[in-house]
Amino acid sequence: MLLLCFTDALGSELSREFENTNITASPIGKFAVKLLRDKGHEIKELYDPDFWEPVTLEAAVDGIPPEEELWAEGEIEKDEVLSKIVNY
């Protein structure tokens, strides 16, 4: 399961909360950077609003892995996930 957040703080906190599970939580921009780096792009993160929009769009076009790599095995309890998210 992938939980994408708008803020770094929430993404970081949820990432810690779901550590050692098959749930990934991340801020949208950082996830986009990771996708592109996984594809071999060299990207230096900038904390500038003008940096994030093109990176996010490029990741949507070029960074998405093949479909067979998107699905992890395992069961996720929806209620458990929702209860942890609602607490934030």
N, C-alpha and C. Protein backbone atom coordinates (compact mmCIF):
# COMPACT_ATOMS: atom_id res chain seq x y z
N MET A 1 0.85 -1.15 0.00
CA MET A 1 0.00 0.00 0.00
C MET A 1 0.91 1.22 0.00
N LEU A 2 0.48 2.22 -0.68
CA LEU A 2 1.23 3.46 -0.78
C LEU A 2 0.38 4.61 -0.27
N LEU A 3 0.90 5.32 0.73
CA LEU A 3 0.24 6.51 1.27
C LEU A 3 1.08 7.71 0.89
N LEU A 4 0.57 8.56 0.03
CA LEU A 4 1.29 9.76 -0.37
C LEU A 4 0.69 10.96 0.35
N CYS A 5 1.57 11.81 0.88
CA CYS A 5 1.16 12.96 1.67
C CYS A 5 1.66 14.24 1.02
N PHE A 6 1.00 15.34 1.29
CA PHE A 6 1.44 16.63 0.75
C PHE A 6 2.60 17.22 1.55
N THR A 7 2.71 16.90 2.83
CA THR A 7 3.75 17.52 3.65
C THR A 7 4.83 16.53 4.03
N ASP A 8 6.05 17.05 4.17
CA ASP A 8 7.17 16.21 4.60
C ASP A 8 6.94 15.68 6.01
N ALA A 9 6.43 16.52 6.88
CA ALA A 9 6.25 16.11 8.28
C ALA A 9 5.30 14.92 8.40
N LEU A 10 4.16 14.99 7.74
CA LEU A 10 3.20 13.90 7.81
C LEU A 10 3.76 12.65 7.14
N GLY A 11 4.39 12.80 5.98
CA GLY A 11 4.98 11.65 5.29
C GLY A 11 6.03 10.97 6.13
N SER A 12 6.89 11.74 6.79
CA SER A 12 7.93 11.18 7.65
C SER A 12 7.35 10.46 8.86
N GLU A 13 6.36 11.07 9.48
CA GLU A 13 5.74 10.47 10.66
C GLU A 13 5.02 9.17 10.30
N LEU A 14 4.26 9.16 9.21
CA LEU A 14 3.57 7.94 8.81
C LEU A 14 4.56 6.87 8.36
N SER A 15 5.66 7.27 7.75
CA SER A 15 6.69 6.32 7.35
C SER A 15 7.24 5.60 8.58
N ARG A 16 7.50 6.33 9.65
CA ARG A 16 7.97 5.71 10.90
C ARG A 16 6.90 4.81 11.49
N GLU A 17 5.66 5.26 11.44
CA GLU A 17 4.55 4.50 12.02
C GLU A 17 4.38 3.14 11.32
N PHE A 18 4.61 3.09 10.03
CA PHE A 18 4.41 1.86 9.26
C PHE A 18 5.72 1.15 8.91
N GLU A 19 6.78 1.50 9.62
CA GLU A 19 8.07 0.85 9.40
C GLU A 19 7.92 -0.66 9.63
N ASN A 20 8.62 -1.45 8.83
CA ASN A 20 8.60 -2.91 8.91
C ASN A 20 7.24 -3.50 8.55
N THR A 21 6.49 -2.80 7.71
CA THR A 21 5.24 -3.33 7.16
C THR A 21 5.33 -3.23 5.65
N ASN A 22 4.33 -3.72 4.96
CA ASN A 22 4.33 -3.56 3.50
C ASN A 22 3.55 -2.30 3.09
N ILE A 23 3.59 -1.30 3.96
CA ILE A 23 2.96 0.00 3.69
C ILE A 23 4.07 1.03 3.55
N THR A 24 4.04 1.78 2.46
CA THR A 24 5.01 2.84 2.24
C THR A 24 4.29 4.17 2.36
N ALA A 25 4.83 5.05 3.19
CA ALA A 25 4.28 6.40 3.32
C ALA A 25 5.39 7.38 2.95
N SER A 26 5.04 8.39 2.19
CA SER A 26 6.03 9.33 1.71
C SER A 26 5.36 10.62 1.27
N PRO A 27 6.08 11.74 1.40
CA PRO A 27 5.59 12.95 0.76
C PRO A 27 5.62 12.75 -0.77
N ILE A 28 4.70 13.33 -1.48
CA ILE A 28 4.59 13.14 -2.93
C ILE A 28 5.89 13.49 -3.64
N GLY A 29 6.45 14.64 -3.33
CA GLY A 29 7.66 15.08 -4.02
C GLY A 29 8.84 14.15 -3.79
N LYS A 30 9.04 13.72 -2.55
CA LYS A 30 10.16 12.81 -2.25
C LYS A 30 9.96 11.46 -2.93
N PHE A 31 8.71 11.01 -3.01
CA PHE A 31 8.44 9.76 -3.70
C PHE A 31 8.74 9.90 -5.20
N ALA A 32 8.41 11.05 -5.76
CA ALA A 32 8.71 11.30 -7.18
C ALA A 32 10.21 11.28 -7.41
N VAL A 33 10.97 11.91 -6.52
CA VAL A 33 12.43 11.91 -6.64
C VAL A 33 12.96 10.48 -6.56
N LYS A 34 12.43 9.68 -5.63
CA LYS A 34 12.87 8.29 -5.49
C LYS A 34 12.59 7.49 -6.76
N LEU A 35 11.40 7.66 -7.32
CA LEU A 35 11.06 6.94 -8.56
C LEU A 35 12.06 7.27 -9.67
N LEU A 36 12.38 8.54 -9.81
CA LEU A 36 13.30 8.95 -10.86
C LEU A 36 14.72 8.46 -10.59
N ARG A 37 15.15 8.53 -9.34
CA ARG A 37 16.49 8.02 -9.00
C ARG A 37 16.57 6.51 -9.26
N ASP A 38 15.49 5.79 -8.95
CA ASP A 38 15.46 4.35 -9.21
C ASP A 38 15.60 4.05 -10.70
N LYS A 39 15.20 5.00 -11.55
CA LYS A 39 15.32 4.85 -13.00
C LYS A 39 16.65 5.38 -13.53
N GLY A 40 17.53 5.82 -12.62
CA GLY A 40 18.85 6.27 -13.02
C GLY A 40 19.03 7.77 -13.20
N HIS A 41 18.00 8.54 -12.93
CA HIS A 41 18.12 10.00 -13.03
C HIS A 41 18.94 10.52 -11.85
N GLU A 42 19.82 11.46 -12.12
CA GLU A 42 20.57 12.12 -11.05
C GLU A 42 19.84 13.41 -10.71
N ILE A 43 19.30 13.46 -9.51
CA ILE A 43 18.50 14.61 -9.11
C ILE A 43 19.01 15.12 -7.78
N LYS A 44 19.25 16.40 -7.71
CA LYS A 44 19.60 17.06 -6.46
C LYS A 44 18.33 17.76 -5.97
N GLU A 45 17.84 17.34 -4.81
CA GLU A 45 16.63 17.95 -4.27
C GLU A 45 16.86 19.41 -3.93
N LEU A 46 15.91 20.23 -4.31
CA LEU A 46 15.92 21.64 -3.97
C LEU A 46 14.64 21.95 -3.20
N TYR A 47 14.74 22.74 -2.18
CA TYR A 47 13.54 23.13 -1.45
C TYR A 47 13.05 24.47 -2.00
N ASP A 48 12.54 24.36 -3.22
CA ASP A 48 12.06 25.50 -3.98
C ASP A 48 10.77 25.06 -4.66
N PRO A 49 9.68 25.78 -4.49
CA PRO A 49 8.43 25.37 -5.11
C PRO A 49 8.53 25.11 -6.62
N ASP A 50 9.39 25.85 -7.31
CA ASP A 50 9.54 25.65 -8.76
C ASP A 50 10.22 24.33 -9.10
N PHE A 51 10.87 23.69 -8.15
CA PHE A 51 11.54 22.41 -8.37
C PHE A 51 10.54 21.26 -8.39
N TRP A 52 9.56 21.28 -7.51
CA TRP A 52 8.73 20.09 -7.26
C TRP A 52 7.74 19.77 -8.37
N GLU A 53 7.11 20.75 -8.97
CA GLU A 53 6.10 20.45 -10.00
C GLU A 53 6.69 19.69 -11.20
N PRO A 54 7.78 20.17 -11.81
CA PRO A 54 8.32 19.41 -12.95
C PRO A 54 8.84 18.02 -12.56
N VAL A 55 9.41 17.90 -11.35
CA VAL A 55 9.90 16.59 -10.91
C VAL A 55 8.74 15.62 -10.74
N THR A 56 7.66 16.10 -10.15
CA THR A 56 6.49 15.24 -9.95
C THR A 56 5.89 14.82 -11.28
N LEU A 57 5.78 15.74 -12.22
CA LEU A 57 5.24 15.40 -13.54
C LEU A 57 6.16 14.43 -14.28
N GLU A 58 7.47 14.64 -14.20
CA GLU A 58 8.41 13.75 -14.87
C GLU A 58 8.33 12.34 -14.27
N ALA A 59 8.18 12.26 -12.96
CA ALA A 59 8.05 10.95 -12.31
C ALA A 59 6.78 10.24 -12.77
N ALA A 60 5.71 10.99 -12.96
CA ALA A 60 4.46 10.39 -13.42
C ALA A 60 4.60 9.82 -14.83
N VAL A 61 5.43 10.46 -15.65
CA VAL A 61 5.61 10.02 -17.03
C VAL A 61 6.69 8.95 -17.15
N ASP A 62 7.83 9.17 -16.48
CA ASP A 62 9.00 8.33 -16.70
C ASP A 62 9.37 7.45 -15.51
N GLY A 63 8.85 7.72 -14.34
CA GLY A 63 9.33 7.02 -13.16
C GLY A 63 8.51 5.84 -12.68
N ILE A 64 7.30 5.68 -13.19
CA ILE A 64 6.44 4.60 -12.72
C ILE A 64 7.01 3.26 -13.16
N PRO A 65 7.21 2.33 -12.21
CA PRO A 65 7.73 1.01 -12.59
C PRO A 65 6.69 0.21 -13.38
N PRO A 66 7.14 -0.86 -14.05
CA PRO A 66 6.19 -1.71 -14.76
C PRO A 66 5.13 -2.26 -13.80
N GLU A 67 3.96 -2.55 -14.34
CA GLU A 67 2.83 -2.98 -13.52
C GLU A 67 3.16 -4.17 -12.63
N GLU A 68 3.93 -5.12 -13.14
CA GLU A 68 4.22 -6.31 -12.35
C GLU A 68 5.08 -6.00 -11.11
N GLU A 69 5.75 -4.86 -11.10
CA GLU A 69 6.55 -4.47 -9.94
C GLU A 69 5.75 -3.64 -8.94
N LEU A 70 4.56 -3.23 -9.30
CA LEU A 70 3.79 -2.34 -8.43
C LEU A 70 3.10 -3.05 -7.28
N TRP A 71 2.79 -4.32 -7.44
CA TRP A 71 1.97 -5.01 -6.47
C TRP A 71 2.81 -5.88 -5.56
N ALA A 72 2.79 -5.59 -4.28
CA ALA A 72 3.50 -6.40 -3.29
C ALA A 72 2.57 -7.50 -2.78
N GLU A 73 3.18 -8.57 -2.35
CA GLU A 73 2.38 -9.65 -1.78
C GLU A 73 2.09 -9.35 -0.33
N GLY A 74 1.02 -9.91 0.18
CA GLY A 74 0.70 -9.76 1.60
C GLY A 74 -0.64 -9.09 1.79
N GLU A 75 -1.17 -9.30 2.96
CA GLU A 75 -2.47 -8.74 3.33
C GLU A 75 -2.26 -7.49 4.18
N ILE A 76 -3.12 -6.55 4.00
CA ILE A 76 -3.09 -5.33 4.80
C ILE A 76 -4.46 -5.16 5.41
N GLU A 77 -4.49 -4.96 6.69
CA GLU A 77 -5.75 -4.72 7.38
C GLU A 77 -6.14 -3.25 7.24
N LYS A 78 -7.17 -3.01 6.47
CA LYS A 78 -7.61 -1.64 6.19
C LYS A 78 -7.92 -0.87 7.48
N ASP A 79 -8.61 -1.50 8.42
CA ASP A 79 -8.98 -0.81 9.65
C ASP A 79 -7.76 -0.40 10.46
N GLU A 80 -6.73 -1.25 10.46
CA GLU A 80 -5.50 -0.92 11.19
C GLU A 80 -4.83 0.31 10.58
N VAL A 81 -4.76 0.33 9.27
CA VAL A 81 -4.15 1.46 8.57
C VAL A 81 -4.94 2.73 8.84
N LEU A 82 -6.25 2.67 8.68
CA LEU A 82 -7.08 3.85 8.88
C LEU A 82 -7.01 4.38 10.31
N SER A 83 -6.96 3.48 11.28
CA SER A 83 -6.89 3.94 12.67
C SER A 83 -5.59 4.68 12.94
N LYS A 84 -4.49 4.25 12.34
CA LYS A 84 -3.22 4.94 12.53
C LYS A 84 -3.22 6.30 11.83
N ILE A 85 -3.82 6.36 10.65
CA ILE A 85 -3.85 7.62 9.91
C ILE A 85 -4.75 8.63 10.60
N VAL A 86 -5.89 8.19 11.09
CA VAL A 86 -6.84 9.09 11.72
C VAL A 86 -6.23 9.74 12.97
N ASN A 87 -5.30 9.07 13.60
CA ASN A 87 -4.67 9.63 14.80
C ASN A 87 -3.76 10.80 14.50
N TYR A 88 -3.52 11.10 13.25
CA TYR A 88 -2.66 12.21 12.88
C TYR A 88 -3.50 13.35 12.51
